[in-house]
């Protein structure tokens, strides 16, 4: 028989979304989205008849996540219909020696026959059908560390007939951004030489491998299942990994998120450019798209008015939009000169002469000086 694993991490239940001035109704939706995503993933895992549901750290955003949210998460996970839910503490929700910790509240609400709590550096084994599955966890006990938590795994006894799986949370050298090496950095060689079939990792909010397949990667990173900011450019994913009876793999990345955070930077020099941008934004899901739009370029007066109408439409259409047009400057053309200055005025004669010489930069500079002199 094959064994099917649903692998997720970095759900960040309890994230406050306080870094931006989101409208209150949207903020409430964003705050509730991690729990909604967890519900979706459990349903997906059940629909795909997964045997194991693995959370590789940072299910919760912080160690003081409200207990009400923690208990809701446990009750959602109790709906999983497979053999076990394996949960690893990450660097945001690290394990504490505290009887009043979030993990104490979580374990209290979890079905004890379903939960496999990977909080210690020791092998945890279960049976899935006739197959033994052994987990080798590297749980976090602090938020930062220059040393990873998987060093014990290489020398740990292993049943060669079992499916041996490492589960850890931290950066991967050469793959994850961790310039100061303080997020439990792991090397690919260390993971490869640890003696397990593969590693299920959390922490890095991008997926690895980058595409579906049937190879034998050393590790899997699912990415975050629910995007939570403009530094997250994807739609939210998790892995469904199937270990076949002959020990080969099939793995598929499945979309799990709802909200999309999109950043765009564009140069615009005509109404046509604005229309092209409009055609790019129009298909986006209005209710679930949050956008940062930064524009630069040069437009004449009527085109600037057209742009202003368009950016107002973007703000009205999308769930949230930040639009920066401060680098879109007025293009001084013949029509604007005639409308702004009388024909016998010195500014008109100066600007008209420069415009006839087709010196765009000089025209912009001269207009700027005239505007300054008016103040």
Protein backbone atom coordinates (compact mmCIF):
# COMPACT_ATOMS: atom_id res chain seq x y z
CA UNK A 1 0.00 0.00 0.00
CA UNK A 2 1.09 3.60 -0.53
CA UNK A 3 1.21 6.26 2.20
CA UNK A 4 -0.11 9.71 1.43
CA UNK A 5 1.09 12.76 3.38
CA UNK A 6 -0.37 16.27 3.48
CA UNK A 7 2.54 18.59 4.33
CA UNK A 8 2.04 22.20 5.42
CA UNK A 9 3.80 24.77 7.63
CA UNK A 10 3.81 28.47 8.50
CA UNK A 11 0.07 28.94 8.85
CA UNK A 12 0.64 31.70 11.45
CA UNK A 13 -2.71 31.51 13.22
CA UNK A 14 -3.06 34.62 15.39
CA UNK A 15 -1.25 37.02 13.05
CA UNK A 16 -2.62 40.51 13.79
CA UNK A 17 -2.09 42.19 10.38
CA UNK A 18 -1.36 45.47 12.13
CA UNK A 19 1.43 46.68 9.84
CA UNK A 20 -0.89 48.42 7.38
CA UNK A 21 -3.98 50.57 7.61
CA UNK A 22 -6.34 47.95 6.23
CA UNK A 23 -10.08 48.71 6.35
CA UNK A 24 -11.52 47.01 9.42
CA UNK A 25 -13.76 44.53 7.53
CA UNK A 26 -10.80 43.40 5.41
CA UNK A 27 -8.54 43.18 8.45
CA UNK A 28 -11.04 40.90 10.17
CA UNK A 29 -11.10 38.64 7.11
CA UNK A 30 -7.29 38.54 6.99
CA UNK A 31 -7.04 37.70 10.69
CA UNK A 32 -9.51 34.83 10.32
CA UNK A 33 -7.93 33.50 7.11
CA UNK A 34 -5.27 31.23 8.72
CA UNK A 35 -7.94 29.24 10.57
CA UNK A 36 -10.09 29.14 7.44
CA UNK A 37 -7.08 27.89 5.50
CA UNK A 38 -6.50 25.16 8.08
CA UNK A 39 -10.12 24.05 7.63
CA UNK A 40 -9.64 23.99 3.86
CA UNK A 41 -6.47 21.94 4.13
CA UNK A 42 -8.06 19.35 6.41
CA UNK A 43 -10.93 19.00 3.93
CA UNK A 44 -8.45 18.68 1.06
CA UNK A 45 -6.47 16.04 2.94
CA UNK A 46 -9.64 14.09 3.70
CA UNK A 47 -10.86 14.33 0.11
CA UNK A 48 -7.50 12.98 -1.09
CA UNK A 49 -7.59 10.26 1.57
CA UNK A 50 -4.27 11.30 3.09
CA UNK A 51 -2.91 9.08 5.87
CA UNK A 52 -0.82 11.74 7.61
CA UNK A 53 -1.25 15.46 8.13
CA UNK A 54 2.11 17.09 8.97
CA UNK A 55 2.58 20.67 10.19
CA UNK A 56 6.30 21.53 10.11
CA UNK A 57 6.29 24.49 12.50
CA UNK A 58 4.68 27.91 12.95
CA UNK A 59 1.10 26.77 13.01
CA UNK A 60 0.75 29.71 15.42
CA UNK A 61 2.22 33.17 14.89
CA UNK A 62 3.55 33.63 18.42
CA UNK A 63 3.80 31.88 21.75
CA UNK A 64 1.05 34.08 23.23
CA UNK A 65 -1.48 33.44 20.49
CA UNK A 66 -4.95 33.68 22.11
CA UNK A 67 -5.95 30.34 23.61
CA UNK A 68 -9.32 30.62 21.90
CA UNK A 69 -7.55 30.51 18.51
CA UNK A 70 -5.32 27.65 19.65
CA UNK A 71 -8.29 25.56 20.73
CA UNK A 72 -10.11 26.26 17.46
CA UNK A 73 -7.09 24.95 15.57
CA UNK A 74 -7.11 21.74 17.60
CA UNK A 75 -10.80 21.16 16.97
CA UNK A 76 -10.29 21.70 13.23
CA UNK A 77 -7.43 19.18 13.16
CA UNK A 78 -9.59 16.67 15.02
CA UNK A 79 -11.64 16.48 11.82
CA UNK A 80 -8.75 14.83 9.96
CA UNK A 81 -9.79 11.32 9.00
CA UNK A 82 -6.35 9.79 8.47
CA UNK A 83 -4.06 7.97 10.86
CA UNK A 84 -2.32 10.89 12.56
CA UNK A 85 -1.72 14.63 12.75
CA UNK A 86 1.99 15.28 13.36
CA UNK A 87 2.71 18.77 14.71
CA UNK A 88 6.14 20.36 15.17
CA UNK A 89 6.76 23.62 17.10
CA UNK A 90 8.54 26.21 14.94
CA UNK A 91 10.48 29.35 15.75
CA UNK A 92 7.34 31.51 16.10
CA UNK A 93 5.49 28.97 18.27
CA UNK A 94 8.51 27.34 19.92
CA UNK A 95 8.05 24.86 22.74
CA UNK A 96 8.19 26.26 26.27
CA UNK A 97 8.46 24.55 29.66
CA UNK A 98 5.30 26.25 30.80
CA UNK A 99 2.12 24.45 31.91
CA UNK A 100 0.11 27.43 30.66
CA UNK A 101 1.67 27.49 27.18
CA UNK A 102 -0.24 27.48 23.92
CA UNK A 103 0.90 23.89 23.40
CA UNK A 104 -0.64 22.77 26.67
CA UNK A 105 -3.95 24.30 25.55
CA UNK A 106 -3.56 22.73 22.11
CA UNK A 107 -2.82 19.22 23.38
CA UNK A 108 -5.72 19.45 25.82
CA UNK A 109 -8.18 19.88 22.95
CA UNK A 110 -6.57 17.49 20.46
CA UNK A 111 -7.72 13.91 20.09
CA UNK A 112 -4.89 12.05 21.86
CA UNK A 113 -5.27 9.10 19.51
CA UNK A 114 -4.78 11.39 16.51
CA UNK A 115 -2.04 13.76 17.66
CA UNK A 116 1.64 12.99 17.24
CA UNK A 117 3.33 15.91 19.00
CA UNK A 118 6.89 16.29 17.74
CA UNK A 119 8.23 18.43 20.57
CA UNK A 120 11.36 16.48 21.57
CA UNK A 121 14.52 15.25 19.81
CA UNK A 122 13.38 11.66 19.84
CA UNK A 123 11.90 9.23 17.35
CA UNK A 124 8.10 9.08 17.25
CA UNK A 125 6.63 6.09 15.40
CA UNK A 126 3.15 5.09 14.31
CA UNK A 127 1.70 2.43 12.06
CA UNK A 128 -0.13 3.26 8.87
CA UNK A 129 -1.73 0.03 7.77
CA UNK A 130 1.05 -2.53 7.86
CA UNK A 131 3.83 0.06 7.52
CA UNK A 132 5.77 1.70 10.33
CA UNK A 133 6.34 5.43 9.90
CA UNK A 134 9.07 6.96 12.07
CA UNK A 135 9.39 10.72 12.51
CA UNK A 136 12.69 12.38 13.48
CA UNK A 137 11.79 15.91 14.66
CA UNK A 138 13.84 19.06 15.09
CA UNK A 139 11.50 21.24 17.14
CA UNK A 140 12.46 24.83 17.99
CA UNK A 141 12.90 25.87 21.61
CA UNK A 142 13.73 29.52 20.89
CA UNK A 143 12.86 32.04 18.19
CA UNK A 144 16.43 32.32 16.92
CA UNK A 145 19.43 30.04 16.87
CA UNK A 146 22.61 29.72 14.83
CA UNK A 147 22.41 25.95 15.33
CA UNK A 148 19.74 23.71 13.87
CA UNK A 149 17.86 21.04 15.82
CA UNK A 150 18.53 18.03 13.59
CA UNK A 151 22.07 17.09 14.62
CA UNK A 152 20.87 14.11 16.67
CA UNK A 153 19.13 12.41 13.74
CA UNK A 154 22.16 11.01 11.91
CA UNK A 155 23.17 8.76 14.82
CA UNK A 156 19.64 7.83 15.90
CA UNK A 157 18.77 4.11 15.46
CA UNK A 158 16.60 3.48 12.42
CA UNK A 159 14.41 0.64 11.26
CA UNK A 160 15.35 0.14 7.62
CA UNK A 161 11.94 -1.42 6.96
CA UNK A 162 10.15 1.71 8.18
CA UNK A 163 9.38 4.92 6.33
CA UNK A 164 11.79 7.31 8.08
CA UNK A 165 10.88 10.99 7.79
CA UNK A 166 12.66 14.04 9.20
CA UNK A 167 10.57 17.04 10.24
CA UNK A 168 12.24 20.36 11.03
CA UNK A 169 11.84 24.12 10.97
CA UNK A 170 14.53 26.52 9.79
CA UNK A 171 16.47 27.85 6.84
CA UNK A 172 18.27 25.79 4.21
CA UNK A 173 21.69 27.06 3.23
CA UNK A 174 21.75 28.13 -0.39
CA UNK A 175 17.96 28.10 -0.65
CA UNK A 176 16.48 30.23 2.14
CA UNK A 177 17.22 33.91 2.86
CA UNK A 178 19.07 33.86 6.19
CA UNK A 179 22.02 36.25 5.88
CA UNK A 180 22.85 36.20 9.59
CA UNK A 181 22.39 32.43 9.92
CA UNK A 182 20.15 32.72 12.98
CA UNK A 183 17.12 30.71 11.84
CA UNK A 184 18.28 27.19 12.65
CA UNK A 185 20.28 26.86 9.39
CA UNK A 186 20.47 23.38 7.86
CA UNK A 187 22.67 22.19 5.03
CA UNK A 188 21.47 19.92 2.26
CA UNK A 189 24.41 17.59 2.91
CA UNK A 190 23.48 17.26 6.59
CA UNK A 191 19.93 16.36 5.68
CA UNK A 192 21.05 13.96 2.97
CA UNK A 193 23.40 12.14 5.35
CA UNK A 194 20.88 11.88 8.21
CA UNK A 195 19.55 8.50 7.10
CA UNK A 196 15.90 9.43 6.51
CA UNK A 197 13.89 9.09 3.30
CA UNK A 198 13.26 12.85 3.09
CA UNK A 199 12.73 15.93 5.24
CA UNK A 200 9.50 17.87 5.65
CA UNK A 201 10.48 21.45 6.45
CA UNK A 202 8.87 24.72 7.47
CA UNK A 203 10.01 28.33 7.84
CA UNK A 204 10.80 29.43 4.27
CA UNK A 205 7.66 30.80 2.61
CA UNK A 206 8.47 29.43 -0.83
CA UNK A 207 7.99 25.92 -2.11
CA UNK A 208 10.67 23.37 -2.90
CA UNK A 209 10.91 21.54 -5.22
CA UNK A 210 9.55 24.18 -7.55
CA UNK A 211 7.34 21.77 -9.49
CA UNK A 212 5.43 18.51 -9.13
CA UNK A 213 7.30 15.30 -9.81
CA UNK A 214 8.38 11.79 -8.94
CA UNK A 215 12.07 12.27 -8.12
CA UNK A 216 13.65 11.82 -4.69
CA UNK A 217 14.30 15.28 -3.25
CA UNK A 218 16.23 15.54 0.00
CA UNK A 219 13.62 17.89 1.45
CA UNK A 220 10.24 19.49 0.83
CA UNK A 221 9.19 23.05 1.68
CA UNK A 222 5.46 23.67 1.16
CA UNK A 223 5.57 27.51 1.33
CA UNK A 224 3.02 29.28 3.48
CA UNK A 225 -0.55 28.08 2.81
CA UNK A 226 -2.09 31.54 3.22
CA UNK A 227 -0.19 34.57 1.91
CA UNK A 228 0.04 37.28 4.55
CA UNK A 229 1.86 40.25 3.00
CA UNK A 230 3.36 41.91 -0.04
CA UNK A 231 6.61 39.98 0.37
CA UNK A 232 4.63 36.83 -0.50
CA UNK A 233 4.17 36.63 -4.26
CA UNK A 234 2.36 33.30 -4.56
CA UNK A 235 -1.17 32.03 -3.93
CA UNK A 236 -0.47 29.74 -0.95
CA UNK A 237 0.43 26.08 -1.28
CA UNK A 238 0.92 22.74 0.49
CA UNK A 239 2.40 19.42 -0.63
CA UNK A 240 0.59 16.15 -1.11
CA UNK A 241 3.31 13.49 -1.10
CA UNK A 242 2.60 9.86 -1.88
CA UNK A 243 5.17 7.23 -0.96
CA UNK A 244 4.49 4.26 -3.20
CA UNK A 245 4.80 0.62 -2.16
CA UNK A 246 8.13 0.37 -4.03
CA UNK A 247 9.38 3.45 -2.05
CA UNK A 248 9.16 5.78 -5.06
CA UNK A 249 7.51 9.18 -4.71
CA UNK A 250 4.77 11.19 -6.36
CA UNK A 251 4.31 14.73 -5.11
CA UNK A 252 1.91 17.50 -6.03
CA UNK A 253 1.78 21.10 -4.85
CA UNK A 254 -1.83 22.12 -4.19
CA UNK A 255 -3.18 25.64 -3.89
CA UNK A 256 -4.56 26.41 -0.44
CA UNK A 257 -4.78 30.20 -0.17
CA UNK A 258 -7.54 32.69 -0.88
CA UNK A 259 -5.94 36.14 -0.77
CA UNK A 260 -3.34 37.30 -3.29
CA UNK A 261 -0.88 40.09 -2.48
CA UNK A 262 0.34 41.62 -5.72
CA UNK A 263 3.03 44.27 -6.26
CA UNK A 264 3.36 46.01 -9.62
CA UNK A 265 5.81 48.64 -10.86
CA UNK A 266 5.10 50.10 -14.28
CA UNK A 267 6.31 52.89 -16.55
CA UNK A 268 3.58 54.79 -18.37
CA UNK A 269 3.98 57.37 -21.13
CA UNK A 270 0.57 57.35 -22.82
CA UNK A 271 -3.09 56.55 -22.39
CA UNK A 272 -2.36 53.31 -24.23
CA UNK A 273 0.04 52.33 -21.43
CA UNK A 274 -2.70 53.02 -18.87
CA UNK A 275 -5.10 50.85 -20.87
CA UNK A 276 -2.54 48.02 -20.95
CA UNK A 277 -2.25 48.23 -17.18
CA UNK A 278 -6.03 48.21 -16.90
CA UNK A 279 -6.21 45.01 -18.97
CA UNK A 280 -3.72 43.42 -16.57
CA UNK A 281 -5.66 44.37 -13.45
CA UNK A 282 -9.23 43.83 -14.68
CA UNK A 283 -9.10 39.99 -14.54
CA UNK A 284 -7.94 39.93 -10.91
CA UNK A 285 -10.35 38.64 -8.31
CA UNK A 286 -11.65 41.87 -6.82
CA UNK A 287 -12.67 40.53 -3.42
CA UNK A 288 -9.41 38.76 -2.61
CA UNK A 289 -6.68 40.82 -4.30
CA UNK A 290 -4.52 43.29 -2.36
CA UNK A 291 -2.24 45.42 -4.51
CA UNK A 292 0.70 47.80 -4.28
CA UNK A 293 0.95 49.75 -7.53
CA UNK A 294 3.90 52.06 -8.17
CA UNK A 295 3.91 54.07 -11.38
CA UNK A 296 6.45 56.34 -13.01
CA UNK A 297 6.60 58.12 -16.33
CA UNK A 298 5.33 61.24 -18.05
CA UNK A 299 1.80 62.07 -19.22
CA UNK A 300 0.11 65.15 -20.59
CA UNK A 301 -2.65 66.84 -18.66
CA UNK A 302 -5.58 64.91 -20.17
CA UNK A 303 -3.69 61.64 -19.74
CA UNK A 304 -3.03 62.46 -16.09
CA UNK A 305 -6.76 62.98 -15.59
CA UNK A 306 -7.39 59.64 -17.30
CA UNK A 307 -4.83 58.00 -15.00
CA UNK A 308 -6.47 59.53 -11.91
CA UNK A 309 -9.84 58.07 -12.91
CA UNK A 310 -8.24 54.68 -13.48
CA UNK A 311 -6.42 54.59 -10.12
CA UNK A 312 -9.64 55.54 -8.33
CA UNK A 313 -11.33 52.60 -10.07
CA UNK A 314 -8.54 50.29 -8.89
CA UNK A 315 -9.02 51.41 -5.29
CA UNK A 316 -12.78 50.86 -5.56
CA UNK A 317 -12.49 47.49 -7.32
CA UNK A 318 -9.91 45.62 -5.25
CA UNK A 319 -10.08 44.51 -1.64
CA UNK A 320 -7.17 46.84 -0.93
CA UNK A 321 -4.90 49.02 -3.08
CA UNK A 322 -1.96 51.31 -2.42
CA UNK A 323 -1.28 53.44 -5.50
CA UNK A 324 1.85 55.59 -5.79
CA UNK A 325 1.86 58.01 -8.77
CA UNK A 326 4.26 60.61 -7.40
CA UNK A 327 6.84 59.71 -10.06
CA UNK A 328 4.39 60.29 -12.91
CA UNK A 329 5.15 63.84 -13.98
CA UNK A 330 3.32 66.27 -16.21
CA UNK A 331 4.44 66.22 -19.83
CA UNK A 332 4.58 69.86 -21.00
CA UNK A 333 3.30 69.93 -24.58
CA UNK A 334 2.07 72.63 -26.98
CA UNK A 335 -1.53 72.21 -25.90
CA UNK A 336 -0.70 72.63 -22.21
CA UNK A 337 1.43 75.73 -22.86
CA UNK A 338 -1.40 77.41 -24.79
CA UNK A 339 -3.95 76.63 -22.09
CA UNK A 340 -1.73 77.76 -19.21
CA UNK A 341 -0.20 81.03 -20.46
CA UNK A 342 -1.32 83.96 -22.60
CA UNK A 343 0.44 84.17 -25.96
CA UNK A 344 2.12 87.49 -25.18
CA UNK A 345 3.51 86.39 -21.82
CA UNK A 346 7.19 85.74 -21.20
CA UNK A 347 6.61 82.15 -19.93
CA UNK A 348 4.62 81.36 -23.09
CA UNK A 349 7.32 82.71 -25.42
CA UNK A 350 10.07 80.90 -23.53
CA UNK A 351 8.30 77.56 -23.35
CA UNK A 352 7.01 77.82 -26.92
CA UNK A 353 10.52 78.37 -28.24
CA UNK A 354 11.94 75.42 -26.28
CA UNK A 355 9.04 73.21 -27.42
CA UNK A 356 9.75 74.09 -31.06
CA UNK A 357 13.36 72.98 -30.57
CA UNK A 358 12.05 69.59 -29.43
CA UNK A 359 14.17 69.62 -26.27
CA UNK A 360 11.97 67.74 -23.81
CA UNK A 361 14.33 67.87 -20.84
CA UNK A 362 14.91 71.61 -21.20
CA UNK A 363 11.15 72.13 -21.47
CA UNK A 364 10.51 70.27 -18.22
CA UNK A 365 13.26 72.18 -16.42
CA UNK A 366 12.03 75.54 -17.67
CA UNK A 367 8.47 74.78 -16.64
CA UNK A 368 9.68 73.74 -13.21
CA UNK A 369 11.52 77.03 -12.77
CA UNK A 370 8.46 79.01 -13.85
CA UNK A 371 6.31 77.14 -11.33
CA UNK A 372 8.85 77.82 -8.59
CA UNK A 373 8.87 81.53 -9.45
CA UNK A 374 5.09 81.65 -9.02
CA UNK A 375 5.29 80.56 -5.39
